Protein backbone atom coordinates (compact mmCIF):
# COMPACT_ATOMS: atom_id res chain seq x y z
CA MET A 1 -16.13 13.26 -23.31
CA ASN A 2 -13.41 11.10 -21.79
CA LYS A 3 -14.57 7.49 -21.72
CA SER A 4 -11.91 6.11 -19.43
CA ALA A 5 -11.55 5.89 -15.69
CA ARG A 6 -8.54 5.56 -13.45
CA ILE A 7 -8.98 3.17 -10.55
CA VAL A 8 -6.64 3.60 -7.59
CA GLU A 9 -6.37 0.80 -5.03
CA VAL A 10 -5.98 2.24 -1.52
CA GLY A 11 -6.36 -0.92 0.58
CA PRO A 12 -2.70 -1.03 1.68
CA ARG A 13 -3.07 2.54 2.99
CA ASP A 14 -6.67 3.33 3.94
CA GLY A 15 -7.72 -0.23 4.64
CA LEU A 16 -4.81 -1.08 6.91
CA GLN A 17 -5.09 2.17 8.86
CA ASN A 18 -8.30 0.81 10.38
CA GLU A 19 -6.74 -2.41 11.66
CA THR A 20 -6.22 -2.63 15.41
CA VAL A 21 -2.91 -4.47 15.09
CA SER A 22 0.16 -3.30 13.22
CA ILE A 23 1.16 -5.27 10.14
CA SER A 24 4.86 -5.53 9.37
CA PRO A 25 6.31 -3.64 6.41
CA ALA A 26 7.27 -6.96 4.80
CA VAL A 27 3.67 -8.22 4.90
CA ARG A 28 2.38 -4.88 3.64
CA ALA A 29 4.85 -5.02 0.73
CA ARG A 30 3.75 -8.57 -0.14
CA PHE A 31 0.13 -7.38 -0.07
CA ALA A 32 0.93 -4.57 -2.51
CA LEU A 33 2.88 -6.93 -4.78
CA ALA A 34 -0.04 -9.38 -4.82
CA LEU A 35 -2.39 -6.57 -5.84
CA ALA A 36 0.02 -5.57 -8.61
CA ALA A 37 0.30 -9.19 -9.76
CA ALA A 38 -3.50 -9.28 -9.96
CA GLY A 39 -3.31 -6.48 -12.51
CA LEU A 40 -3.86 -3.34 -10.47
CA ARG A 41 -1.73 -0.51 -11.80
CA ASP A 42 -2.18 2.33 -9.28
CA ILE A 43 -1.73 1.31 -5.65
CA GLU A 44 -1.27 3.58 -2.65
CA VAL A 45 0.97 1.48 -0.41
CA GLY A 46 1.36 3.68 2.64
CA ALA A 47 1.40 7.12 4.13
CA PHE A 48 4.10 9.29 5.64
CA VAL A 49 2.35 10.18 8.87
CA ARG A 50 3.40 10.34 12.48
CA PRO A 51 3.60 6.78 13.85
CA ASP A 52 2.19 7.93 17.19
CA ARG A 53 -0.95 9.07 15.33
CA VAL A 54 -1.30 6.21 12.82
CA PRO A 55 0.89 3.34 14.04
CA GLN A 56 -0.24 1.04 11.20
CA MET A 57 1.63 3.25 8.70
CA ALA A 58 4.95 3.09 10.55
CA GLY A 59 7.62 1.73 8.24
CA THR A 60 6.25 3.07 4.96
CA GLU A 61 9.84 3.80 3.89
CA GLU A 62 10.68 0.12 4.35
CA VAL A 63 7.55 -0.95 2.42
CA LEU A 64 8.67 1.19 -0.51
CA SER A 65 12.21 -0.19 -0.35
CA LEU A 66 10.81 -3.73 -0.61
CA LEU A 67 8.82 -2.98 -3.78
CA THR A 68 11.66 -3.58 -6.20
CA GLU A 69 10.13 -6.42 -8.22
CA LEU A 70 6.94 -4.90 -9.57
CA PRO A 71 5.21 -6.82 -12.35
CA SER A 72 5.28 -5.10 -15.74
């Protein structure tokens, strides 16, 4: 039996999709970096969906481009 578990943080994706206001890609990237600095290893930072359907995920490409200084 495998005695380990993989925990995936989805707040920057699932959590922010429920917000009524859009959050800038820069703020979303800082959020993801703060989670990584806190020790989380697997973080879903966005989704590639149509912005007219899920406007909070617009700019996911920019979020990813800003994640260049991930903690090791």
